[in-house]
């Protein structure tokens, strides 16, 4: 498994996530992870309705998420390691 830094610039300001660190098999899998999914007891890779269900706290679409490989992980994934949330 790999460790990735995900960053988004669609939703900015208060009550938004600007970045997170995740563990995933590939960059393609990593960008499907939404930081709020676990709050709704959902599979973190299941996001067919990002803006409808999860609000505007993260990118509008997985295609607008920047992903950067930062290392190798010894644990299984996919999972969220850490998020950066801008509380209001």
Protein backbone atom coordinates (compact mmCIF):
# COMPACT_ATOMS: atom_id res chain seq x y z
CA UNK A 1 0.00 0.00 0.00
CA UNK A 2 1.04 3.60 -0.62
CA UNK A 3 0.69 6.83 1.31
CA UNK A 4 -0.70 9.84 -0.58
CA UNK A 5 -1.24 13.51 0.16
CA UNK A 6 -4.54 14.71 -1.34
CA UNK A 7 -5.19 18.41 -1.81
CA UNK A 8 -8.19 20.31 -3.16
CA UNK A 9 -8.91 23.97 -3.99
CA UNK A 10 -12.62 23.78 -5.01
CA UNK A 11 -14.00 24.40 -1.53
CA UNK A 12 -12.08 26.90 0.58
CA UNK A 13 -12.72 28.90 3.71
CA UNK A 14 -14.34 27.79 6.94
CA UNK A 15 -15.78 24.31 7.48
CA UNK A 16 -13.82 22.76 4.62
CA UNK A 17 -11.07 20.20 4.28
CA UNK A 18 -8.06 21.46 2.34
CA UNK A 19 -6.01 18.27 2.42
CA UNK A 20 -5.64 14.80 3.87
CA UNK A 21 -3.24 11.90 4.02
CA UNK A 22 -4.57 8.52 2.95
CA UNK A 23 -3.42 4.96 2.40
CA UNK A 24 -4.47 3.41 -0.89
CA UNK A 25 -3.29 0.98 -3.55
CA UNK A 26 -2.97 3.60 -6.28
CA UNK A 27 -3.46 7.32 -6.99
CA UNK A 28 -6.70 6.42 -8.76
CA UNK A 29 -8.03 4.75 -5.62
CA UNK A 30 -6.73 7.55 -3.37
CA UNK A 31 -8.63 10.33 -5.17
CA UNK A 32 -11.93 8.51 -4.63
CA UNK A 33 -11.62 8.88 -0.86
CA UNK A 34 -13.79 11.62 0.63
CA UNK A 35 -12.82 12.91 4.11
CA UNK A 36 -16.44 12.98 5.36
CA UNK A 37 -17.48 9.49 4.27
CA UNK A 38 -16.59 7.81 7.55
CA UNK A 39 -18.78 10.35 9.40
CA UNK A 40 -21.77 8.92 7.53
CA UNK A 41 -20.83 5.26 8.17
CA UNK A 42 -20.10 4.68 4.51
CA UNK A 43 -17.38 2.95 2.58
CA UNK A 44 -14.71 5.63 2.04
CA UNK A 45 -14.44 4.64 -1.63
CA UNK A 46 -18.16 4.88 -2.41
CA UNK A 47 -18.91 8.39 -3.67
CA UNK A 48 -21.38 8.51 -6.49
CA UNK A 49 -23.04 11.64 -5.03
CA UNK A 50 -20.26 13.77 -3.56
CA UNK A 51 -21.98 17.15 -3.62
CA UNK A 52 -25.50 15.88 -2.85
CA UNK A 53 -24.77 13.76 0.19
CA UNK A 54 -21.49 14.95 1.62
CA UNK A 55 -21.81 18.68 1.16
CA UNK A 56 -19.30 21.23 -0.05
CA UNK A 57 -16.55 20.56 2.47
CA UNK A 58 -14.24 18.89 -0.07
CA UNK A 59 -13.61 18.93 -3.81
CA UNK A 60 -16.55 19.06 -6.20
CA UNK A 61 -15.36 15.90 -7.93
CA UNK A 62 -12.56 13.33 -7.58
CA UNK A 63 -11.15 14.65 -10.86
CA UNK A 64 -10.23 17.96 -9.20
CA UNK A 65 -8.24 16.39 -6.34
CA UNK A 66 -4.45 16.64 -6.57
CA UNK A 67 -2.64 13.51 -5.43
CA UNK A 68 1.02 13.17 -4.47
CA UNK A 69 2.82 9.95 -3.52
CA UNK A 70 4.68 10.42 -0.23
CA UNK A 71 5.72 6.93 0.83
CA UNK A 72 4.99 3.27 1.48
CA UNK A 73 2.69 1.95 4.21
CA UNK A 74 2.92 -1.32 6.08
CA UNK A 75 -0.76 -1.31 7.04
CA UNK A 76 -3.69 -2.32 4.87
CA UNK A 77 -5.91 0.28 3.26
CA UNK A 78 -7.72 2.12 1.99
CA UNK A 79 -7.97 4.42 4.96
CA UNK A 80 -7.70 8.01 6.04
CA UNK A 81 -4.66 8.75 8.19
CA UNK A 82 -5.14 12.47 8.86
CA UNK A 83 -7.25 15.36 7.56
CA UNK A 84 -6.79 19.13 7.62
CA UNK A 85 -10.10 20.82 8.45
CA UNK A 86 -10.61 24.59 8.61
CA UNK A 87 -13.25 25.08 11.32
CA UNK A 88 -15.25 28.24 11.52
